[in-house]
Amino acid sequence: MGEFVKLEDTDRDGVAVIRLDRPKVNAISGQLSKELLEVATEVSGRDDIRAVVVWGGPKFFAAGADIGEFPSDGPPEERDPSGMVDPLNDALLAIEGLDQITISAVNGFALGGGCEVSMSTDFRICGERAVFGQPEILLGIIPGAGGTQRLTRLVGITKSKELNYSGRQVKADEALAIGLVSEVHPDDEVFDRALDMAEQYAKGPAALKNVKRSIMDGLNLDIADAIEVEKREFVASFKTDDAVIGIKSFLEHGPGKAEFTQR
């Protein structure tokens, strides 16, 4: 168990929580990034975990990187932040690559690295007072852990340029309108609603991992190659026990009545 990132069980079957807990505002340090990778690696090997909620607590998701760790003096050739951002990129790629369904439950600020963490999950739901943004340009730098890339994929190139060029903050209603989040709830309901969503997906068939792989692996391919990825996962989904259960249940009882085993 890390000092700043913890993997917590819940009372929902198949649902775990990745809890960010670095007072006061969950600033993302090198140590937090390494712990996040360790937790993501543990989750990847857990068959009993089928959905994950990433949560920073009721007040802050993560208010950005620990700027005190940024190189800010010395000659240009020595001002290389790779050692700081590489662990965070490794962690976020690990989260993005999980077979489990992942949901960020965002209360308060999700800025800079915090916004980047949230964008590495499948879904984001947030509270009414949540705030998102990539303010790095205001420091004279740019995002380094997906802020220009994942944001563009989520909200489109023009809106991503505007937010990255200006560094302005986005409140919950705008985040919903531009597709950065899927749902907005009263602040004190966000975590429970995220657990509800996670529980729903945790009950789903084993083929959820196949559709996730198909989408993510095909994302940057041309259409012909992407269809081959889809076919690969389509074929793989038929090899699950849940495919037998689902097809038989449909033929006997109609759609939506199958009880899956996640195998």
C-alpha atoms as a PDB file:
ATOM      1  CA  MET A   1       0.000   0.000   0.000  1.00  0.00           C
ATOM      2  CA  GLY A   2       1.475   3.320  -1.068  1.00  0.00           C
ATOM      3  CA  GLU A   3       1.598   6.513   0.910  1.00  0.00           C
ATOM      4  CA  PHE A   4      -0.385   8.588  -1.595  1.00  0.00           C
ATOM      5  CA  VAL A   5      -2.266   6.048  -3.745  1.00  0.00           C
ATOM      6  CA  LYS A   6      -4.316   3.230  -2.285  1.00  0.00           C
ATOM      7  CA  LEU A   7      -6.315   0.374  -3.783  1.00  0.00           C
ATOM      8  CA  GLU A   8      -9.473   0.002  -1.714  1.00  0.00           C
ATOM      9  CA  ASP A   9     -12.185  -2.637  -1.706  1.00  0.00           C
ATOM     10  CA  THR A  10     -15.851  -1.664  -1.764  1.00  0.00           C
ATOM     11  CA  ASP A  11     -19.142  -3.286  -0.857  1.00  0.00           C
ATOM     12  CA  ARG A  12     -19.968  -3.553  -4.581  1.00  0.00           C
ATOM     13  CA  ASP A  13     -19.132  -6.917  -6.104  1.00  0.00           C
ATOM     14  CA  GLY A  14     -16.194  -6.663  -8.490  1.00  0.00           C
ATOM     15  CA  VAL A  15     -15.624  -2.929  -7.869  1.00  0.00           C
ATOM     16  CA  ALA A  16     -12.468  -1.375  -6.400  1.00  0.00           C
ATOM     17  CA  VAL A  17     -11.355   2.215  -5.816  1.00  0.00           C
ATOM     18  CA  ILE A  18      -8.016   3.782  -6.687  1.00  0.00           C
ATOM     19  CA  ARG A  19      -7.822   6.503  -4.059  1.00  0.00           C
ATOM     20  CA  LEU A  20      -5.543   9.498  -4.528  1.00  0.00           C
ATOM     21  CA  ASP A  21      -4.660  10.880  -1.102  1.00  0.00           C
ATOM     22  CA  ARG A  22      -1.844  13.413  -0.976  1.00  0.00           C
ATOM     23  CA  PRO A  23      -2.889  16.380   1.190  1.00  0.00           C
ATOM     24  CA  LYS A  24      -3.745  19.123   0.666  1.00  0.00           C
ATOM     25  CA  VAL A  25      -4.833  19.064  -2.972  1.00  0.00           C
ATOM     26  CA  ASN A  26      -3.520  15.731  -4.320  1.00  0.00           C
ATOM     27  CA  ALA A  27      -0.680  17.454  -6.180  1.00  0.00           C
ATOM     28  CA  ILE A  28       0.895  14.893  -8.474  1.00  0.00           C
ATOM     29  CA  SER A  29       4.486  14.217  -7.503  1.00  0.00           C
ATOM     30  CA  GLY A  30       6.950  11.701  -8.835  1.00  0.00           C
ATOM     31  CA  GLN A  31       6.241   9.424  -5.900  1.00  0.00           C
ATOM     32  CA  LEU A  32       2.476   9.611  -6.431  1.00  0.00           C
ATOM     33  CA  SER A  33       2.968   8.763 -10.113  1.00  0.00           C
ATOM     34  CA  LYS A  34       5.082   5.705  -9.269  1.00  0.00           C
ATOM     35  CA  GLU A  35       2.510   4.534  -6.724  1.00  0.00           C
ATOM     36  CA  LEU A  36      -0.254   5.024  -9.279  1.00  0.00           C
ATOM     37  CA  LEU A  37       1.611   2.758 -11.700  1.00  0.00           C
ATOM     38  CA  GLU A  38       2.087   0.145  -8.971  1.00  0.00           C
ATOM     39  CA  VAL A  39      -1.635   0.155  -8.199  1.00  0.00           C
ATOM     40  CA  ALA A  40      -2.599  -0.009 -11.886  1.00  0.00           C
ATOM     41  CA  THR A  41      -0.254  -2.964 -12.306  1.00  0.00           C
ATOM     42  CA  GLU A  42      -1.869  -4.710  -9.353  1.00  0.00           C
ATOM     43  CA  VAL A  43      -5.358  -4.096 -10.764  1.00  0.00           C
ATOM     44  CA  SER A  44      -4.328  -5.538 -14.125  1.00  0.00           C
ATOM     45  CA  GLY A  45      -3.602  -8.870 -12.456  1.00  0.00           C
ATOM     46  CA  ARG A  46      -6.810  -9.041 -10.401  1.00  0.00           C
ATOM     47  CA  ASP A  47      -9.557 -11.155 -11.986  1.00  0.00           C
ATOM     48  CA  ASP A  48     -11.841 -10.333  -9.074  1.00  0.00           C
ATOM     49  CA  ILE A  49     -11.800  -6.622 -10.001  1.00  0.00           C
ATOM     50  CA  ARG A  50     -13.959  -5.873 -13.032  1.00  0.00           C
ATOM     51  CA  ALA A  51     -14.485  -2.128 -12.642  1.00  0.00           C
ATOM     52  CA  VAL A  52     -12.495   0.634 -10.958  1.00  0.00           C
ATOM     53  CA  VAL A  53     -13.361   4.095  -9.671  1.00  0.00           C
ATOM     54  CA  VAL A  54     -10.528   6.636  -9.482  1.00  0.00           C
ATOM     55  CA  TRP A  55     -11.299   9.192  -6.765  1.00  0.00           C
ATOM     56  CA  GLY A  56      -9.397  11.993  -5.087  1.00  0.00           C
ATOM     57  CA  GLY A  57     -11.832  12.522  -2.250  1.00  0.00           C
ATOM     58  CA  PRO A  58     -14.773  14.878  -1.669  1.00  0.00           C
ATOM     59  CA  LYS A  59     -12.888  18.179  -2.118  1.00  0.00           C
ATOM     60  CA  PHE A  60     -10.167  17.733  -4.750  1.00  0.00           C
ATOM     61  CA  PHE A  61      -9.568  15.228  -7.514  1.00  0.00           C
ATOM     62  CA  ALA A  62      -6.028  16.464  -8.201  1.00  0.00           C
ATOM     63  CA  ALA A  63      -5.221  20.145  -8.517  1.00  0.00           C
ATOM     64  CA  GLY A  64      -2.208  19.632 -10.784  1.00  0.00           C
ATOM     65  CA  ALA A  65       1.417  18.612 -10.727  1.00  0.00           C
ATOM     66  CA  ASP A  66       3.715  19.408  -7.835  1.00  0.00           C
ATOM     67  CA  ILE A  67       5.292  22.482  -9.426  1.00  0.00           C
ATOM     68  CA  GLY A  68       8.026  22.444  -6.826  1.00  0.00           C
ATOM     69  CA  GLU A  69       9.466  19.436  -8.668  1.00  0.00           C
ATOM     70  CA  PHE A  70       9.691  21.309 -11.996  1.00  0.00           C
ATOM     71  CA  PRO A  71      13.211  22.222 -13.176  1.00  0.00           C
ATOM     72  CA  SER A  72      13.294  26.029 -13.295  1.00  0.00           C
ATOM     73  CA  ASP A  73      16.925  27.110 -13.368  1.00  0.00           C
ATOM     74  CA  GLY A  74      20.266  26.170 -14.843  1.00  0.00           C
ATOM     75  CA  PRO A  75      21.207  26.016 -18.534  1.00  0.00           C
ATOM     76  CA  PRO A  76      18.547  24.833 -21.015  1.00  0.00           C
ATOM     77  CA  GLU A  77      20.185  21.449 -21.568  1.00  0.00           C
ATOM     78  CA  GLU A  78      19.795  20.688 -17.862  1.00  0.00           C
ATOM     79  CA  ARG A  79      16.134  21.707 -17.639  1.00  0.00           C
ATOM     80  CA  ASP A  80      14.749  18.317 -18.664  1.00  0.00           C
ATOM     81  CA  PRO A  81      11.528  17.264 -16.916  1.00  0.00           C
ATOM     82  CA  SER A  82      11.488  13.756 -18.421  1.00  0.00           C
ATOM     83  CA  GLY A  83      12.350  12.093 -15.136  1.00  0.00           C
ATOM     84  CA  MET A  84       9.324  13.749 -13.577  1.00  0.00           C
ATOM     85  CA  VAL A  85       6.737  13.152 -16.311  1.00  0.00           C
ATOM     86  CA  ASP A  86       7.795   9.690 -17.508  1.00  0.00           C
ATOM     87  CA  PRO A  87       6.431   7.905 -14.396  1.00  0.00           C
ATOM     88  CA  LEU A  88       3.096   9.692 -14.796  1.00  0.00           C
ATOM     89  CA  ASN A  89       2.867   8.763 -18.468  1.00  0.00           C
ATOM     90  CA  ASP A  90       3.679   5.153 -17.613  1.00  0.00           C
ATOM     91  CA  ALA A  91       0.941   5.145 -14.979  1.00  0.00           C
ATOM     92  CA  LEU A  92      -1.694   6.702 -17.233  1.00  0.00           C
ATOM     93  CA  LEU A  93      -0.923   4.377 -20.124  1.00  0.00           C
ATOM     94  CA  ALA A  94      -1.275   1.464 -17.692  1.00  0.00           C
ATOM     95  CA  ILE A  95      -4.662   2.756 -16.511  1.00  0.00           C
ATOM     96  CA  GLU A  96      -5.807   3.367 -20.089  1.00  0.00           C
ATOM     97  CA  GLY A  97      -4.766  -0.173 -21.019  1.00  0.00           C
ATOM     98  CA  LEU A  98      -6.612  -1.944 -18.205  1.00  0.00           C
ATOM     99  CA  ASP A  99      -9.167  -4.556 -19.243  1.00  0.00           C
ATOM    100  CA  GLN A 100     -11.349  -3.354 -16.385  1.00  0.00           C
ATOM    101  CA  ILE A 101     -13.858  -0.536 -16.951  1.00  0.00           C
ATOM    102  CA  THR A 102     -12.512   2.634 -15.317  1.00  0.00           C
ATOM    103  CA  ILE A 103     -14.381   5.709 -14.093  1.00  0.00           C
ATOM    104  CA  SER A 104     -13.018   8.942 -12.664  1.00  0.00           C
ATOM    105  CA  ALA A 105     -15.218  10.452  -9.956  1.00  0.00           C
ATOM    106  CA  VAL A 106     -14.236  14.115  -9.964  1.00  0.00           C
ATOM    107  CA  ASN A 107     -14.921  16.479  -7.099  1.00  0.00           C
ATOM    108  CA  GLY A 108     -13.340  19.910  -7.093  1.00  0.00           C
ATOM    109  CA  PHE A 109     -10.287  20.653  -9.204  1.00  0.00           C
ATOM    110  CA  ALA A 110      -8.943  18.345 -11.917  1.00  0.00           C
ATOM    111  CA  LEU A 111      -6.267  20.594 -13.387  1.00  0.00           C
ATOM    112  CA  GLY A 112      -3.095  19.902 -15.328  1.00  0.00           C
ATOM    113  CA  GLY A 113      -1.900  16.463 -14.317  1.00  0.00           C
ATOM    114  CA  GLY A 114      -5.178  15.918 -12.499  1.00  0.00           C
ATOM    115  CA  CYS A 115      -7.146  16.452 -15.684  1.00  0.00           C
ATOM    116  CA  GLU A 116      -4.729  14.123 -17.450  1.00  0.00           C
ATOM    117  CA  VAL A 117      -5.323  11.411 -14.850  1.00  0.00           C
ATOM    118  CA  SER A 118      -9.093  11.716 -15.313  1.00  0.00           C
ATOM    119  CA  MET A 119      -8.786  11.474 -19.100  1.00  0.00           C
ATOM    120  CA  SER A 120      -6.929   8.159 -18.861  1.00  0.00           C
ATOM    121  CA  THR A 121     -10.108   6.442 -17.626  1.00  0.00           C
ATOM    122  CA  ASP A 122     -13.034   5.248 -19.739  1.00  0.00           C
ATOM    123  CA  PHE A 123     -15.510   7.678 -18.188  1.00  0.00           C
ATOM    124  CA  ARG A 124     -15.554  10.830 -16.118  1.00  0.00           C
ATOM    125  CA  ILE A 125     -18.451  11.888 -13.937  1.00  0.00           C
ATOM    126  CA  CYS A 126     -18.197  15.005 -11.830  1.00  0.00           C
ATOM    127  CA  GLY A 127     -19.766  17.202  -9.219  1.00  0.00           C
ATOM    128  CA  GLU A 128     -21.507  20.494  -9.912  1.00  0.00           C
ATOM    129  CA  ARG A 129     -18.524  22.443  -8.598  1.00  0.00           C
ATOM    130  CA  ALA A 130     -15.889  20.432 -10.460  1.00  0.00           C
ATOM    131  CA  VAL A 131     -13.346  22.349 -12.551  1.00  0.00           C
ATOM    132  CA  PHE A 132     -11.176  20.943 -15.346  1.00  0.00           C
ATOM    133  CA  GLY A 133      -8.332  22.467 -17.325  1.00  0.00           C
ATOM    134  CA  GLN A 134      -4.842  22.320 -18.753  1.00  0.00           C
ATOM    135  CA  PRO A 135      -3.301  25.543 -17.389  1.00  0.00           C
ATOM    136  CA  GLU A 136       0.309  24.694 -18.201  1.00  0.00           C
ATOM    137  CA  ILE A 137       0.582  27.425 -20.840  1.00  0.00           C
ATOM    138  CA  LEU A 138       0.190  29.986 -18.053  1.00  0.00           C
ATOM    139  CA  LEU A 139       3.525  28.730 -16.697  1.00  0.00           C
ATOM    140  CA  GLY A 140       5.143  29.033 -20.106  1.00  0.00           C
ATOM    141  CA  ILE A 141       5.105  25.254 -20.700  1.00  0.00           C
ATOM    142  CA  ILE A 142       2.701  22.684 -22.171  1.00  0.00           C
ATOM    143  CA  PRO A 143       1.045  19.519 -20.855  1.00  0.00           C
ATOM    144  CA  GLY A 144       3.285  16.468 -20.805  1.00  0.00           C
ATOM    145  CA  ALA A 145       1.035  13.547 -19.812  1.00  0.00           C
ATOM    146  CA  GLY A 146      -1.702  13.527 -22.425  1.00  0.00           C
ATOM    147  CA  GLY A 147      -3.208  16.991 -22.044  1.00  0.00           C
ATOM    148  CA  THR A 148      -2.826  17.817 -25.725  1.00  0.00           C
ATOM    149  CA  GLN A 149      -3.511  14.286 -26.969  1.00  0.00           C
ATOM    150  CA  ARG A 150      -6.310  12.739 -24.916  1.00  0.00           C
ATOM    151  CA  LEU A 151      -8.140  16.044 -24.666  1.00  0.00           C
ATOM    152  CA  THR A 152      -8.144  16.362 -28.466  1.00  0.00           C
ATOM    153  CA  ARG A 153      -9.538  12.849 -28.811  1.00  0.00           C
ATOM    154  CA  LEU A 154     -12.278  13.595 -26.306  1.00  0.00           C
ATOM    155  CA  VAL A 155     -13.461  17.085 -27.254  1.00  0.00           C
ATOM    156  CA  GLY A 156     -12.136  17.655 -30.776  1.00  0.00           C
ATOM    157  CA  ILE A 157      -9.203  19.572 -32.183  1.00  0.00           C
ATOM    158  CA  THR A 158     -10.649  23.106 -32.100  1.00  0.00           C
ATOM    159  CA  LYS A 159     -11.836  22.992 -28.503  1.00  0.00           C
ATOM    160  CA  SER A 160      -8.626  21.289 -27.390  1.00  0.00           C
ATOM    161  CA  LYS A 161      -6.561  24.008 -29.036  1.00  0.00           C
ATOM    162  CA  GLU A 162      -8.607  26.701 -27.335  1.00  0.00           C
ATOM    163  CA  LEU A 163      -8.283  25.158 -23.887  1.00  0.00           C
ATOM    164  CA  ASN A 164      -4.578  24.370 -24.264  1.00  0.00           C
ATOM    165  CA  TYR A 165      -3.736  27.723 -25.851  1.00  0.00           C
ATOM    166  CA  SER A 166      -5.585  29.746 -23.201  1.00  0.00           C
ATOM    167  CA  GLY A 167      -5.145  27.582 -20.104  1.00  0.00           C
ATOM    168  CA  ARG A 168      -8.633  28.555 -19.019  1.00  0.00           C
ATOM    169  CA  GLN A 169     -10.652  26.448 -16.614  1.00  0.00           C
ATOM    170  CA  VAL A 170     -13.813  24.571 -17.571  1.00  0.00           C
ATOM    171  CA  LYS A 171     -16.701  24.224 -15.148  1.00  0.00           C
ATOM    172  CA  ALA A 172     -18.936  21.185 -14.908  1.00  0.00           C
ATOM    173  CA  ASP A 173     -21.705  22.370 -17.214  1.00  0.00           C
ATOM    174  CA  GLU A 174     -19.284  23.178 -20.024  1.00  0.00           C
ATOM    175  CA  ALA A 175     -17.351  19.943 -19.433  1.00  0.00           C
ATOM    176  CA  LEU A 176     -20.607  18.067 -20.006  1.00  0.00           C
ATOM    177  CA  ALA A 177     -21.492  20.105 -23.087  1.00  0.00           C
ATOM    178  CA  ILE A 178     -18.157  19.477 -24.823  1.00  0.00           C
ATOM    179  CA  GLY A 179     -18.076  15.762 -23.980  1.00  0.00           C
ATOM    180  CA  LEU A 180     -15.266  15.861 -21.437  1.00  0.00           C
ATOM    181  CA  VAL A 181     -17.559  14.278 -18.823  1.00  0.00           C
ATOM    182  CA  SER A 182     -20.552  11.983 -19.184  1.00  0.00           C
ATOM    183  CA  GLU A 183     -22.575  13.027 -16.145  1.00  0.00           C
ATOM    184  CA  VAL A 184     -22.820  15.849 -13.600  1.00  0.00           C
ATOM    185  CA  HIS A 185     -24.273  15.269 -10.125  1.00  0.00           C
ATOM    186  CA  PRO A 186     -24.512  17.108  -6.815  1.00  0.00           C
ATOM    187  CA  ASP A 187     -21.062  17.036  -5.252  1.00  0.00           C
ATOM    188  CA  ASP A 188     -21.997  14.753  -2.386  1.00  0.00           C
ATOM    189  CA  GLU A 189     -23.477  12.170  -4.779  1.00  0.00           C
ATOM    190  CA  VAL A 190     -20.568  11.848  -7.222  1.00  0.00           C
ATOM    191  CA  PHE A 191     -18.702   9.000  -5.561  1.00  0.00           C
ATOM    192  CA  ASP A 192     -21.813   6.881  -5.022  1.00  0.00           C
ATOM    193  CA  ARG A 193     -22.955   7.465  -8.595  1.00  0.00           C
ATOM    194  CA  ALA A 194     -19.544   6.396  -9.839  1.00  0.00           C
ATOM    195  CA  LEU A 195     -19.815   3.230  -7.754  1.00  0.00           C
ATOM    196  CA  ASP A 196     -23.270   2.592  -9.210  1.00  0.00           C
ATOM    197  CA  MET A 197     -21.907   2.918 -12.733  1.00  0.00           C
ATOM    198  CA  ALA A 198     -18.941   0.692 -11.912  1.00  0.00           C
ATOM    199  CA  GLU A 199     -21.217  -1.929 -10.368  1.00  0.00           C
ATOM    200  CA  GLN A 200     -23.352  -1.984 -13.511  1.00  0.00           C
ATOM    201  CA  TYR A 201     -20.330  -2.648 -15.708  1.00  0.00           C
ATOM    202  CA  ALA A 202     -18.896  -5.165 -13.242  1.00  0.00           C
ATOM    203  CA  LYS A 203     -22.005  -7.288 -13.839  1.00  0.00           C
ATOM    204  CA  GLY A 204     -21.499  -7.193 -17.592  1.00  0.00           C
ATOM    205  CA  PRO A 205     -20.132  -9.981 -19.790  1.00  0.00           C
ATOM    206  CA  ALA A 206     -16.492 -10.879 -20.263  1.00  0.00           C
ATOM    207  CA  ALA A 207     -16.758  -9.384 -23.762  1.00  0.00           C
ATOM    208  CA  LEU A 208     -16.574  -5.890 -22.278  1.00  0.00           C
ATOM    209  CA  LYS A 209     -12.801  -6.255 -22.345  1.00  0.00           C
ATOM    210  CA  ASN A 210     -13.019  -7.221 -26.013  1.00  0.00           C
ATOM    211  CA  VAL A 211     -15.002  -4.145 -26.998  1.00  0.00           C
ATOM    212  CA  LYS A 212     -12.625  -1.951 -24.980  1.00  0.00           C
ATOM    213  CA  ARG A 213      -9.597  -3.481 -26.711  1.00  0.00           C
ATOM    214  CA  SER A 214     -11.269  -3.087 -30.087  1.00  0.00           C
ATOM    215  CA  ILE A 215     -11.942   0.614 -29.546  1.00  0.00           C
ATOM    216  CA  MET A 216      -8.558   1.449 -28.059  1.00  0.00           C
ATOM    217  CA  ASP A 217      -6.410  -0.680 -30.370  1.00  0.00           C
ATOM    218  CA  GLY A 218      -8.244   0.553 -33.458  1.00  0.00           C
ATOM    219  CA  LEU A 219      -8.300   4.209 -32.471  1.00  0.00           C
ATOM    220  CA  ASN A 220      -5.322   5.347 -34.527  1.00  0.00           C
ATOM    221  CA  LEU A 221      -5.515   2.866 -37.399  1.00  0.00           C
ATOM    222  CA  ASP A 222      -7.014   3.336 -40.827  1.00  0.00           C
ATOM    223  CA  ILE A 223     -10.483   1.858 -41.196  1.00  0.00           C
ATOM    224  CA  ALA A 224      -9.431  -1.394 -42.889  1.00  0.00           C
ATOM    225  CA  ASP A 225      -6.877  -2.211 -40.192  1.00  0.00           C
ATOM    226  CA  ALA A 226      -9.282  -1.095 -37.468  1.00  0.00           C
ATOM    227  CA  ILE A 227     -11.946  -3.484 -38.785  1.00  0.00           C
ATOM    228  CA  GLU A 228      -9.390  -6.289 -38.540  1.00  0.00           C
ATOM    229  CA  VAL A 229      -8.866  -5.373 -34.886  1.00  0.00           C
ATOM    230  CA  GLU A 230     -12.620  -5.483 -34.369  1.00  0.00           C
ATOM    231  CA  LYS A 231     -12.845  -8.891 -36.072  1.00  0.00           C
ATOM    232  CA  ARG A 232     -10.046 -10.190 -33.832  1.00  0.00           C
ATOM    233  CA  GLU A 233     -11.953  -9.190 -30.703  1.00  0.00           C
ATOM    234  CA  PHE A 234     -15.292 -10.309 -32.188  1.00  0.00           C
ATOM    235  CA  VAL A 235     -13.893 -13.806 -32.667  1.00  0.00           C
ATOM    236  CA  ALA A 236     -12.330 -13.757 -29.191  1.00  0.00           C
ATOM    237  CA  SER A 237     -15.642 -12.797 -27.587  1.00  0.00           C
ATOM    238  CA  PHE A 238     -17.262 -15.981 -28.900  1.00  0.00           C
ATOM    239  CA  LYS A 239     -14.750 -18.020 -26.920  1.00  0.00           C
ATOM    240  CA  THR A 240     -16.066 -16.776 -23.564  1.00  0.00           C
ATOM    241  CA  ASP A 241     -18.528 -18.651 -21.374  1.00  0.00           C
ATOM    242  CA  ASP A 242     -20.681 -15.518 -21.325  1.00  0.00           C
ATOM    243  CA  ALA A 243     -21.189 -15.705 -25.086  1.00  0.00           C
ATOM    244  CA  VAL A 244     -22.785 -19.139 -24.666  1.00  0.00           C
ATOM    245  CA  ILE A 245     -24.930 -17.836 -21.801  1.00  0.00           C
ATOM    246  CA  GLY A 246     -25.953 -14.661 -23.631  1.00  0.00           C
ATOM    247  CA  ILE A 247     -26.888 -16.295 -26.931  1.00  0.00           C
ATOM    248  CA  LYS A 248     -28.821 -19.087 -25.238  1.00  0.00           C
ATOM    249  CA  SER A 249     -30.647 -16.613 -22.989  1.00  0.00           C
ATOM    250  CA  PHE A 250     -31.626 -14.463 -25.970  1.00  0.00           C
ATOM    251  CA  LEU A 251     -33.022 -17.432 -27.898  1.00  0.00           C
ATOM    252  CA  GLU A 252     -34.986 -18.697 -24.888  1.00  0.00           C
ATOM    253  CA  HIS A 253     -36.041 -15.507 -23.094  1.00  0.00           C
ATOM    254  CA  GLY A 254     -35.355 -12.517 -25.336  1.00  0.00           C
ATOM    255  CA  PRO A 255     -32.807  -9.714 -24.927  1.00  0.00           C
ATOM    256  CA  GLY A 256     -31.469  -8.284 -21.687  1.00  0.00           C
ATOM    257  CA  LYS A 257     -32.151 -11.213 -19.351  1.00  0.00           C
ATOM    258  CA  ALA A 258     -28.814 -13.033 -19.315  1.00  0.00           C
ATOM    259  CA  GLU A 259     -26.926 -13.382 -16.061  1.00  0.00           C
ATOM    260  CA  PHE A 260     -23.262 -13.347 -16.915  1.00  0.00           C
ATOM    261  CA  THR A 261     -20.343 -14.948 -15.086  1.00  0.00           C
ATOM    262  CA  GLN A 262     -17.632 -12.571 -16.393  1.00  0.00           C
ATOM    263  CA  ARG A 263     -15.766 -15.554 -17.843  1.00  0.00           C
END
